[in-house]
Amino acid sequence: MRKTQPTVATDDRANLVGSLWMVAAMAAFAVEDVFIKAAARTLPTAEILILFGLGGAVLFAVIAALTGQRLFLRDVLSPVMRIRMLFEIVGRLFYALAITLTPLSAATVILQATPLVVVAGAALVFGERVGPRRWLAILIGLVGVVIIIGPGTDSFSVLSILAVIGMLGFAGRDLASRVAPRGLGTAILGFYGFLAIVIAGAIYVPWGGGAFVVPGLTASLWLAGAVLAGIAAYVCLMKAMRTGEVSAVTPFRYTRLLFGIAFGVLLFGEALTPAMLTGSALIVCSGLFIVWRGKARQVS
């Protein structure tokens, strides 16, 4: 018994540290969203994506160089990586449109359904075992998304679909990441992830990019803040997933919902509706139940 106590204590400490890294990552992601939404007041969305993506790609290229990682590898051109980048482009483009054209709080809440779609996709694509209880939880979580969007109600806006498409894009990216070549490090994945943002911005130019606007000092600061917050979020997320147990750390992903709602209300004057609160509760409870069931299955 005495020999197992230090191990348990160490595991608990690792889980605590990993959870703190996850909270920090979600806070940084929420700050990134705030900066992008603020920059959209004076800059076209396409330009924001291109400049934001270039800034992040350059920083990750520097990190890769300092850590001795090669950016141009054969694995980068593998079918899985191509699929991953395609989903990244879809997710980044439509989520950026969502946070610039719709309330930040609503877009953030809808994004929290990503883990539910990932679990469903893993069962359908990779044949992972998902029992009836977890399928029910997934269904309940998706019902929460529908309640937030509110089709058929006076508050419904077709722009709400932007966040849903973005969420599906991120889910596809996460599924592709599961089978991505193991030799690709964090800096490499980060570099190509931000490069996908540049491509997403370039794709959107003909539809709503508008003329290029030379960023003023304020807009430049917003963009720089978004890049730094995005880099910090990515690094903290990697730290979180590599510290402690995944089942203990993953639930703290939902703190992004709290940060997103708080920023939306306090900084942009957004209002919380009963539908949003109800949908948020269903999504979070469903996600936490799926994590708990997954851990219970591993223990048994």
Protein backbone atom coordinates (compact mmCIF):
# COMPACT_ATOMS: atom_id res chain seq x y z
CA MET A 1 0.00 0.00 0.00
CA ARG A 2 2.80 2.41 0.85
CA LYS A 3 4.34 1.95 -2.59
CA THR A 4 1.17 2.93 -4.42
CA GLN A 5 0.49 6.16 -2.51
CA PRO A 6 3.23 8.26 -4.15
CA THR A 7 2.04 7.07 -7.58
CA VAL A 8 -1.54 8.10 -6.85
CA ALA A 9 -0.35 11.46 -5.55
CA THR A 10 1.78 11.96 -8.64
CA ASP A 11 -1.16 11.09 -10.92
CA ASP A 12 -3.42 13.52 -9.05
CA ARG A 13 -0.84 16.27 -9.37
CA ALA A 14 -0.39 15.56 -13.09
CA ASN A 15 -4.16 15.68 -13.59
CA LEU A 16 -4.34 18.99 -11.72
CA VAL A 17 -1.53 20.52 -13.77
CA GLY A 18 -3.02 19.17 -17.01
CA SER A 19 -6.41 20.61 -16.10
CA LEU A 20 -4.87 24.03 -15.46
CA TRP A 21 -3.14 23.88 -18.86
CA MET A 22 -6.49 23.05 -20.45
CA VAL A 23 -8.25 25.97 -18.75
CA ALA A 24 -5.44 28.26 -19.90
CA ALA A 25 -5.78 26.94 -23.46
CA MET A 26 -9.54 27.53 -23.52
CA ALA A 27 -9.09 31.04 -22.11
CA ALA A 28 -6.51 31.82 -24.80
CA PHE A 29 -8.78 30.47 -27.55
CA ALA A 30 -11.60 32.68 -26.26
CA VAL A 31 -9.27 35.71 -26.24
CA GLU A 32 -8.28 34.87 -29.82
CA ASP A 33 -11.97 34.97 -30.79
CA VAL A 34 -12.39 38.35 -29.10
CA PHE A 35 -9.45 39.85 -30.99
CA ILE A 36 -10.69 38.52 -34.33
CA LYS A 37 -14.21 39.84 -33.71
CA ALA A 38 -12.78 43.22 -32.69
CA ALA A 39 -10.56 43.39 -35.81
CA ALA A 40 -13.61 42.65 -37.97
CA ARG A 41 -15.01 46.06 -37.10
CA THR A 42 -12.53 47.72 -39.49
CA LEU A 43 -11.07 44.90 -41.61
CA PRO A 44 -12.67 42.46 -44.08
CA THR A 45 -12.97 38.91 -42.76
CA ALA A 46 -10.89 37.48 -45.62
CA GLU A 47 -8.05 39.87 -44.85
CA ILE A 48 -8.19 39.00 -41.16
CA LEU A 49 -7.89 35.31 -41.94
CA ILE A 50 -4.96 35.83 -44.33
CA LEU A 51 -2.99 38.08 -41.97
CA PHE A 52 -3.82 35.99 -38.91
CA GLY A 53 -2.85 32.79 -40.69
CA LEU A 54 0.41 34.25 -42.00
CA GLY A 55 1.37 35.48 -38.53
CA GLY A 56 0.75 32.12 -36.92
CA ALA A 57 2.46 30.18 -39.72
CA VAL A 58 5.59 32.35 -39.46
CA LEU A 59 5.80 31.90 -35.70
CA PHE A 60 5.36 28.14 -35.93
CA ALA A 61 7.97 28.01 -38.69
CA VAL A 62 10.40 29.75 -36.33
CA ILE A 63 9.53 27.31 -33.55
CA ALA A 64 10.09 24.38 -35.92
CA ALA A 65 13.46 25.77 -36.96
CA LEU A 66 14.56 26.30 -33.36
CA THR A 67 13.54 22.77 -32.38
CA GLY A 68 15.09 21.15 -35.43
CA GLN A 69 11.81 20.07 -37.06
CA ARG A 70 11.60 19.99 -40.85
CA LEU A 71 8.48 21.61 -42.28
CA PHE A 72 8.54 19.93 -45.67
CA LEU A 73 8.23 16.19 -45.21
CA ARG A 74 6.71 13.51 -47.38
CA ASP A 75 4.12 12.76 -44.69
CA VAL A 76 2.73 16.28 -45.09
CA LEU A 77 1.40 15.31 -48.52
CA SER A 78 -0.21 12.10 -47.30
CA PRO A 79 -3.95 11.66 -48.05
CA VAL A 80 -4.79 11.98 -44.36
CA MET A 81 -3.00 15.32 -44.06
CA ARG A 82 -4.75 16.60 -47.17
CA ILE A 83 -8.10 15.65 -45.68
CA ARG A 84 -7.10 17.23 -42.38
CA MET A 85 -6.19 20.52 -44.09
CA LEU A 86 -9.46 20.52 -46.05
CA PHE A 87 -11.48 20.18 -42.85
CA GLU A 88 -9.26 22.79 -41.17
CA ILE A 89 -10.04 25.24 -43.98
CA VAL A 90 -13.78 24.62 -43.66
CA GLY A 91 -13.72 24.90 -39.88
CA ARG A 92 -11.60 28.03 -39.76
CA LEU A 93 -13.48 29.86 -42.51
CA PHE A 94 -16.99 29.24 -41.27
CA TYR A 95 -16.17 29.68 -37.59
CA ALA A 96 -14.44 32.99 -38.36
CA LEU A 97 -17.54 34.09 -40.25
CA ALA A 98 -19.66 32.96 -37.31
CA ILE A 99 -17.81 34.99 -34.69
CA THR A 100 -17.68 38.09 -36.90
CA LEU A 101 -21.30 37.98 -38.12
CA THR A 102 -23.14 36.41 -35.17
CA PRO A 103 -22.96 36.74 -31.36
CA LEU A 104 -19.68 35.40 -30.00
CA SER A 105 -21.44 33.62 -27.14
CA ALA A 106 -23.74 31.66 -29.48
CA ALA A 107 -20.90 30.64 -31.80
CA THR A 108 -18.80 29.50 -28.83
CA VAL A 109 -21.62 27.40 -27.41
CA ILE A 110 -22.26 25.64 -30.74
CA LEU A 111 -18.54 24.90 -31.05
CA GLN A 112 -18.71 22.88 -27.83
CA ALA A 113 -20.62 20.18 -29.71
CA THR A 114 -17.41 19.26 -31.57
CA PRO A 115 -16.45 16.40 -29.18
CA LEU A 116 -19.91 14.86 -29.62
CA VAL A 117 -19.50 14.79 -33.40
CA VAL A 118 -15.97 13.43 -33.03
CA VAL A 119 -17.21 10.48 -30.96
CA ALA A 120 -20.00 9.79 -33.46
CA GLY A 121 -17.55 10.08 -36.35
CA ALA A 122 -15.07 7.74 -34.68
CA ALA A 123 -17.80 5.12 -34.41
CA LEU A 124 -18.96 5.53 -38.00
CA VAL A 125 -15.55 5.97 -39.67
CA PHE A 126 -13.14 4.00 -37.49
CA GLY A 127 -15.56 1.44 -36.07
CA GLU A 128 -14.94 2.47 -32.46
CA ARG A 129 -17.41 1.01 -30.01
CA VAL A 130 -20.06 3.47 -28.86
CA GLY A 131 -22.83 2.05 -26.68
CA PRO A 132 -26.48 3.08 -26.73
CA ARG A 133 -26.05 5.40 -23.74
CA ARG A 134 -23.35 7.42 -25.45
CA TRP A 135 -25.36 7.52 -28.69
CA LEU A 136 -28.27 8.89 -26.65
CA ALA A 137 -25.95 11.50 -25.11
CA ILE A 138 -24.76 12.51 -28.58
CA LEU A 139 -28.36 12.88 -29.74
CA ILE A 140 -29.25 15.00 -26.69
CA GLY A 141 -26.22 17.23 -27.29
CA LEU A 142 -27.21 17.76 -30.93
CA VAL A 143 -30.73 18.60 -29.79
CA GLY A 144 -29.07 21.31 -27.68
CA VAL A 145 -27.48 22.72 -30.85
CA VAL A 146 -30.87 22.76 -32.58
CA ILE A 147 -32.44 24.58 -29.61
CA ILE A 148 -29.75 27.28 -29.79
CA ILE A 149 -30.20 27.75 -33.53
CA GLY A 150 -33.99 27.83 -33.10
CA PRO A 151 -35.26 26.87 -36.56
CA GLY A 152 -38.87 27.87 -37.04
CA THR A 153 -38.73 30.53 -34.32
CA ASP A 154 -38.69 34.31 -34.62
CA SER A 155 -35.08 34.40 -33.38
CA PHE A 156 -33.80 32.06 -36.08
CA SER A 157 -31.07 33.41 -38.35
CA VAL A 158 -29.59 31.53 -41.27
CA LEU A 159 -26.21 32.91 -40.16
CA SER A 160 -26.37 30.52 -37.20
CA ILE A 161 -25.61 27.72 -39.65
CA LEU A 162 -22.12 29.21 -40.08
CA ALA A 163 -21.11 28.07 -36.58
CA VAL A 164 -22.55 24.61 -37.21
CA ILE A 165 -20.54 24.18 -40.43
CA GLY A 166 -17.44 25.46 -38.64
CA MET A 167 -18.01 22.97 -35.83
CA LEU A 168 -18.35 20.11 -38.32
CA GLY A 169 -15.12 21.21 -39.99
CA PHE A 170 -13.22 21.14 -36.70
CA ALA A 171 -14.69 17.72 -35.88
CA GLY A 172 -13.46 16.38 -39.21
CA ARG A 173 -10.03 17.86 -38.56
CA ASP A 174 -9.85 16.19 -35.14
CA LEU A 175 -10.87 12.84 -36.63
CA ALA A 176 -8.18 13.14 -39.31
CA SER A 177 -5.64 14.08 -36.63
CA ARG A 178 -6.22 10.69 -34.97
CA VAL A 179 -4.66 8.92 -37.94
CA ALA A 180 -2.15 11.62 -38.94
CA PRO A 181 1.46 10.42 -39.35
CA ARG A 182 3.13 10.15 -35.93
CA GLY A 183 6.31 11.78 -37.18
CA LEU A 184 4.67 15.19 -37.52
CA GLY A 185 5.36 17.28 -34.41
CA THR A 186 3.29 20.01 -32.81
CA ALA A 187 5.11 22.83 -34.61
CA ILE A 188 4.57 21.19 -37.99
CA LEU A 189 0.86 20.60 -37.39
CA GLY A 190 0.56 24.16 -36.10
CA PHE A 191 2.34 25.56 -39.17
CA TYR A 192 0.04 23.78 -41.61
CA GLY A 193 -2.99 24.55 -39.46
CA PHE A 194 -2.31 28.29 -39.75
CA LEU A 195 -1.44 27.88 -43.43
CA ALA A 196 -4.94 26.46 -43.87
CA ILE A 197 -6.30 29.71 -42.40
CA VAL A 198 -4.46 31.67 -45.10
CA ILE A 199 -6.03 29.46 -47.75
CA ALA A 200 -9.46 29.88 -46.15
CA GLY A 201 -9.09 33.66 -46.32
CA ALA A 202 -7.96 33.52 -49.96
CA ILE A 203 -10.95 31.35 -50.87
CA TYR A 204 -13.36 33.84 -49.28
CA VAL A 205 -11.94 36.92 -51.04
CA PRO A 206 -14.20 36.74 -54.14
CA TRP A 207 -17.37 36.48 -52.03
CA GLY A 208 -16.88 38.95 -49.21
CA GLY A 209 -13.26 39.99 -48.95
CA GLY A 210 -13.71 43.52 -50.16
CA ALA A 211 -10.80 45.78 -50.99
CA PHE A 212 -7.60 45.33 -48.99
CA VAL A 213 -7.51 47.73 -46.05
CA VAL A 214 -4.23 48.86 -44.59
CA PRO A 215 -4.61 47.99 -40.89
CA GLY A 216 -4.40 50.92 -38.53
CA LEU A 217 -2.58 50.74 -35.21
CA THR A 218 -5.60 49.43 -33.32
CA ALA A 219 -6.45 46.77 -35.89
CA SER A 220 -2.80 45.71 -36.05
CA LEU A 221 -2.76 45.26 -32.29
CA TRP A 222 -5.95 43.18 -32.49
CA LEU A 223 -4.38 40.94 -35.14
CA ALA A 224 -1.10 40.61 -33.24
CA GLY A 225 -3.04 39.75 -30.10
CA ALA A 226 -5.04 37.12 -31.98
CA VAL A 227 -1.87 35.50 -33.32
CA LEU A 228 -0.16 35.43 -29.92
CA ALA A 229 -3.32 34.14 -28.22
CA GLY A 230 -3.70 31.45 -30.88
CA ILE A 231 -0.09 30.30 -30.46
CA ALA A 232 -0.42 30.30 -26.68
CA ALA A 233 -3.69 28.36 -26.86
CA TYR A 234 -2.18 25.72 -29.15
CA VAL A 235 0.87 25.26 -26.92
CA CYS A 236 -1.23 25.08 -23.74
CA LEU A 237 -3.54 22.56 -25.38
CA MET A 238 -0.62 20.31 -26.30
CA LYS A 239 0.74 20.62 -22.75
CA ALA A 240 -2.66 19.71 -21.33
CA MET A 241 -3.08 16.61 -23.49
CA ARG A 242 0.39 15.39 -22.58
CA THR A 243 0.03 16.00 -18.84
CA GLY A 244 -2.26 13.81 -16.80
CA GLU A 245 -5.00 11.47 -17.97
CA VAL A 246 -7.01 12.47 -21.03
CA SER A 247 -10.27 11.58 -19.27
CA ALA A 248 -9.37 13.90 -16.38
CA VAL A 249 -8.22 16.80 -18.54
CA THR A 250 -10.73 16.73 -21.40
CA PRO A 251 -13.81 17.92 -19.41
CA PHE A 252 -12.09 21.25 -18.83
CA ARG A 253 -12.48 21.97 -22.56
CA TYR A 254 -15.95 23.20 -21.69
CA THR A 255 -14.52 26.14 -19.76
CA ARG A 256 -14.21 27.79 -23.19
CA LEU A 257 -17.98 28.09 -23.11
CA LEU A 258 -17.80 30.09 -19.90
CA PHE A 259 -15.09 32.38 -21.25
CA GLY A 260 -16.91 32.84 -24.57
CA ILE A 261 -20.22 33.71 -22.92
CA ALA A 262 -18.55 36.06 -20.44
CA PHE A 263 -16.63 37.92 -23.15
CA GLY A 264 -19.71 38.11 -25.37
CA VAL A 265 -21.84 39.61 -22.60
CA LEU A 266 -19.24 41.92 -21.04
CA LEU A 267 -17.35 43.12 -24.12
CA PHE A 268 -19.96 43.02 -26.89
CA GLY A 269 -23.18 43.53 -24.94
CA GLU A 270 -24.71 40.23 -26.03
CA ALA A 271 -27.82 38.91 -24.31
CA LEU A 272 -28.28 35.39 -22.97
CA THR A 273 -31.54 33.79 -24.01
CA PRO A 274 -33.32 30.85 -22.36
CA ALA A 275 -32.74 28.83 -25.53
CA MET A 276 -28.99 29.43 -25.37
CA LEU A 277 -28.81 28.49 -21.70
CA THR A 278 -30.89 25.34 -22.24
CA GLY A 279 -28.88 24.28 -25.28
CA SER A 280 -25.61 24.95 -23.48
CA ALA A 281 -26.66 22.77 -20.56
CA LEU A 282 -27.61 19.90 -22.87
CA ILE A 283 -24.35 20.10 -24.83
CA VAL A 284 -22.10 20.28 -21.77
CA CYS A 285 -23.93 17.56 -19.83
CA SER A 286 -23.87 15.26 -22.86
CA GLY A 287 -20.16 15.85 -23.39
CA LEU A 288 -19.29 15.23 -19.76
CA PHE A 289 -21.39 12.05 -19.73
CA ILE A 290 -19.55 10.73 -22.79
CA VAL A 291 -16.18 11.42 -21.16
CA TRP A 292 -17.34 9.71 -17.95
CA ARG A 293 -18.67 6.66 -19.83
CA GLY A 294 -15.44 6.39 -21.78
CA LYS A 295 -13.42 6.40 -18.56
CA ALA A 296 -15.78 3.87 -16.93
CA ARG A 297 -15.32 1.49 -19.87
CA GLN A 298 -11.53 1.75 -19.60
CA VAL A 299 -11.63 0.96 -15.89
CA SER A 300 -13.93 -2.03 -16.40
